[in-house]
Amino acid sequence: MAYFHPSLTPEAWHTLTSTKQILNIASELTRAKHALEKEQTVNLKRSMERALELIDLTVADSKWYQKRKELLRLREHLGGFYIGAYTSADELHCALKL
């Protein structure tokens, strides 16, 4: 069961198109970006947690089998940013380009 999206089940998430899944993740990351710019650490943390949860649901979706490696790489770097492995969004951006 989803923690931050309590009414969202994996089955319901998997019925969404790939595009809608990615756009939902992107929305959370956009919220995180705005919170970072405004130095709103609580909102940044919550947005990152929601994005990570949606990435987990997406990785579990069989239609993403061919792109699972890329999704997990994104999750790894976002998790690193979440725990403070990167000191700025610029460092995260550079790491994602590698």
C-alpha atoms as a PDB file:
ATOM      1  CA  MET A   1       0.000   0.000   0.000  1.00  0.00           C
ATOM      2  CA  ALA A   2       1.225   3.459  -0.837  1.00  0.00           C
ATOM      3  CA  TYR A   3       2.325   5.617   2.071  1.00  0.00           C
ATOM      4  CA  PHE A   4       2.100   9.152   0.716  1.00  0.00           C
ATOM      5  CA  HIS A   5      -0.651   8.377  -1.759  1.00  0.00           C
ATOM      6  CA  PRO A   6      -2.830   6.142   0.467  1.00  0.00           C
ATOM      7  CA  SER A   7      -5.611   5.645  -2.066  1.00  0.00           C
ATOM      8  CA  LEU A   8      -3.189   4.736  -4.855  1.00  0.00           C
ATOM      9  CA  THR A   9      -2.744   1.012  -5.309  1.00  0.00           C
ATOM     10  CA  PRO A  10      -0.152  -0.553  -7.591  1.00  0.00           C
ATOM     11  CA  GLU A  11      -2.982  -1.914  -9.703  1.00  0.00           C
ATOM     12  CA  ALA A  12      -4.489   1.548 -10.179  1.00  0.00           C
ATOM     13  CA  TRP A  13      -1.069   3.051 -10.948  1.00  0.00           C
ATOM     14  CA  HIS A  14      -0.372   0.364 -13.541  1.00  0.00           C
ATOM     15  CA  THR A  15      -3.570   1.218 -15.420  1.00  0.00           C
ATOM     16  CA  LEU A  16      -2.179   4.686 -16.174  1.00  0.00           C
ATOM     17  CA  THR A  17      -0.308   5.197 -19.414  1.00  0.00           C
ATOM     18  CA  SER A  18       3.468   5.504 -19.310  1.00  0.00           C
ATOM     19  CA  THR A  19       3.128   9.179 -20.168  1.00  0.00           C
ATOM     20  CA  LYS A  20       0.776   9.864 -17.258  1.00  0.00           C
ATOM     21  CA  GLN A  21       3.047   8.015 -14.854  1.00  0.00           C
ATOM     22  CA  ILE A  22       6.080  10.051 -15.915  1.00  0.00           C
ATOM     23  CA  LEU A  23       4.106  13.301 -15.784  1.00  0.00           C
ATOM     24  CA  ASN A  24       2.997  12.537 -12.220  1.00  0.00           C
ATOM     25  CA  ILE A  25       6.606  11.930 -11.206  1.00  0.00           C
ATOM     26  CA  ALA A  26       7.669  15.114 -13.009  1.00  0.00           C
ATOM     27  CA  SER A  27       4.979  17.080 -11.156  1.00  0.00           C
ATOM     28  CA  GLU A  28       6.397  15.986  -7.812  1.00  0.00           C
ATOM     29  CA  LEU A  29       9.917  16.846  -8.936  1.00  0.00           C
ATOM     30  CA  THR A  30       8.722  20.273 -10.091  1.00  0.00           C
ATOM     31  CA  ARG A  31       7.177  20.832  -6.661  1.00  0.00           C
ATOM     32  CA  ALA A  32      10.490  19.794  -5.117  1.00  0.00           C
ATOM     33  CA  LYS A  33      12.380  22.216  -7.359  1.00  0.00           C
ATOM     34  CA  HIS A  34      10.133  25.119  -6.355  1.00  0.00           C
ATOM     35  CA  ALA A  35      10.454  24.202  -2.670  1.00  0.00           C
ATOM     36  CA  LEU A  36      14.239  24.087  -3.058  1.00  0.00           C
ATOM     37  CA  GLU A  37      14.271  27.510  -4.711  1.00  0.00           C
ATOM     38  CA  LYS A  38      12.143  28.934  -1.887  1.00  0.00           C
ATOM     39  CA  GLU A  39      14.195  27.102   0.767  1.00  0.00           C
ATOM     40  CA  GLN A  40      11.109  25.309   2.055  1.00  0.00           C
ATOM     41  CA  THR A  41      12.793  22.211   3.436  1.00  0.00           C
ATOM     42  CA  VAL A  42       9.634  20.508   4.702  1.00  0.00           C
ATOM     43  CA  ASN A  43       7.897  20.835   1.334  1.00  0.00           C
ATOM     44  CA  LEU A  44      11.081  19.743  -0.449  1.00  0.00           C
ATOM     45  CA  LYS A  45      11.304  16.612   1.685  1.00  0.00           C
ATOM     46  CA  ARG A  46       7.643  15.719   1.167  1.00  0.00           C
ATOM     47  CA  SER A  47       7.823  16.243  -2.594  1.00  0.00           C
ATOM     48  CA  MET A  48      10.929  14.088  -2.834  1.00  0.00           C
ATOM     49  CA  GLU A  49       9.274  11.343  -0.786  1.00  0.00           C
ATOM     50  CA  ARG A  50       6.199  11.392  -3.017  1.00  0.00           C
ATOM     51  CA  ALA A  51       8.377  11.304  -6.153  1.00  0.00           C
ATOM     52  CA  LEU A  52      10.354   8.342  -4.799  1.00  0.00           C
ATOM     53  CA  GLU A  53       7.132   6.515  -3.992  1.00  0.00           C
ATOM     54  CA  LEU A  54       5.807   7.057  -7.521  1.00  0.00           C
ATOM     55  CA  ILE A  55       9.100   5.883  -9.006  1.00  0.00           C
ATOM     56  CA  ASP A  56       8.830   2.703  -6.907  1.00  0.00           C
ATOM     57  CA  LEU A  57       5.322   2.092  -8.232  1.00  0.00           C
ATOM     58  CA  THR A  58       6.538   2.710 -11.773  1.00  0.00           C
ATOM     59  CA  VAL A  59       9.487   0.318 -11.446  1.00  0.00           C
ATOM     60  CA  ALA A  60       7.038  -2.382 -10.334  1.00  0.00           C
ATOM     61  CA  ASP A  61       4.958  -1.872 -13.487  1.00  0.00           C
ATOM     62  CA  SER A  62       5.747  -4.516 -16.119  1.00  0.00           C
ATOM     63  CA  LYS A  63       5.369  -2.066 -19.006  1.00  0.00           C
ATOM     64  CA  TRP A  64       8.592  -0.390 -17.792  1.00  0.00           C
ATOM     65  CA  TYR A  65      10.652  -3.576 -17.923  1.00  0.00           C
ATOM     66  CA  GLN A  66      12.946  -2.275 -20.693  1.00  0.00           C
ATOM     67  CA  LYS A  67      13.556   1.046 -18.884  1.00  0.00           C
ATOM     68  CA  ARG A  68      13.749  -0.263 -15.331  1.00  0.00           C
ATOM     69  CA  LYS A  69      17.509   0.351 -15.133  1.00  0.00           C
ATOM     70  CA  GLU A  70      17.089   4.048 -15.958  1.00  0.00           C
ATOM     71  CA  LEU A  71      14.268   4.459 -13.455  1.00  0.00           C
ATOM     72  CA  LEU A  72      16.337   2.829 -10.726  1.00  0.00           C
ATOM     73  CA  ARG A  73      19.283   5.075 -11.570  1.00  0.00           C
ATOM     74  CA  LEU A  74      17.022   8.113 -11.248  1.00  0.00           C
ATOM     75  CA  ARG A  75      15.745   6.781  -7.921  1.00  0.00           C
ATOM     76  CA  GLU A  76      19.289   6.198  -6.680  1.00  0.00           C
ATOM     77  CA  HIS A  77      20.353   9.767  -7.412  1.00  0.00           C
ATOM     78  CA  LEU A  78      17.158  11.317  -6.048  1.00  0.00           C
ATOM     79  CA  GLY A  79      17.627   9.240  -2.914  1.00  0.00           C
ATOM     80  CA  GLY A  80      21.184  10.534  -2.681  1.00  0.00           C
ATOM     81  CA  PHE A  81      19.944  14.101  -2.929  1.00  0.00           C
ATOM     82  CA  TYR A  82      17.271  13.340  -0.323  1.00  0.00           C
ATOM     83  CA  ILE A  83      19.798  12.091   2.230  1.00  0.00           C
ATOM     84  CA  GLY A  84      22.240  14.896   1.514  1.00  0.00           C
ATOM     85  CA  ALA A  85      24.822  13.166  -0.677  1.00  0.00           C
ATOM     86  CA  TYR A  86      24.585  16.143  -3.031  1.00  0.00           C
ATOM     87  CA  THR A  87      24.941  19.648  -1.648  1.00  0.00           C
ATOM     88  CA  SER A  88      23.052  21.375  -4.441  1.00  0.00           C
ATOM     89  CA  ALA A  89      20.617  20.757  -7.258  1.00  0.00           C
ATOM     90  CA  ASP A  90      23.481  21.498  -9.666  1.00  0.00           C
ATOM     91  CA  GLU A  91      25.465  18.542  -8.297  1.00  0.00           C
ATOM     92  CA  LEU A  92      22.431  16.310  -8.719  1.00  0.00           C
ATOM     93  CA  HIS A  93      21.943  17.565 -12.274  1.00  0.00           C
ATOM     94  CA  CYS A  94      25.587  16.762 -13.105  1.00  0.00           C
ATOM     95  CA  ALA A  95      25.315  13.299 -11.551  1.00  0.00           C
ATOM     96  CA  LEU A  96      22.220  12.496 -13.631  1.00  0.00           C
ATOM     97  CA  LYS A  97      24.101  13.387 -16.823  1.00  0.00           C
ATOM     98  CA  LEU A  98      26.822  10.805 -16.160  1.00  0.00           C
END
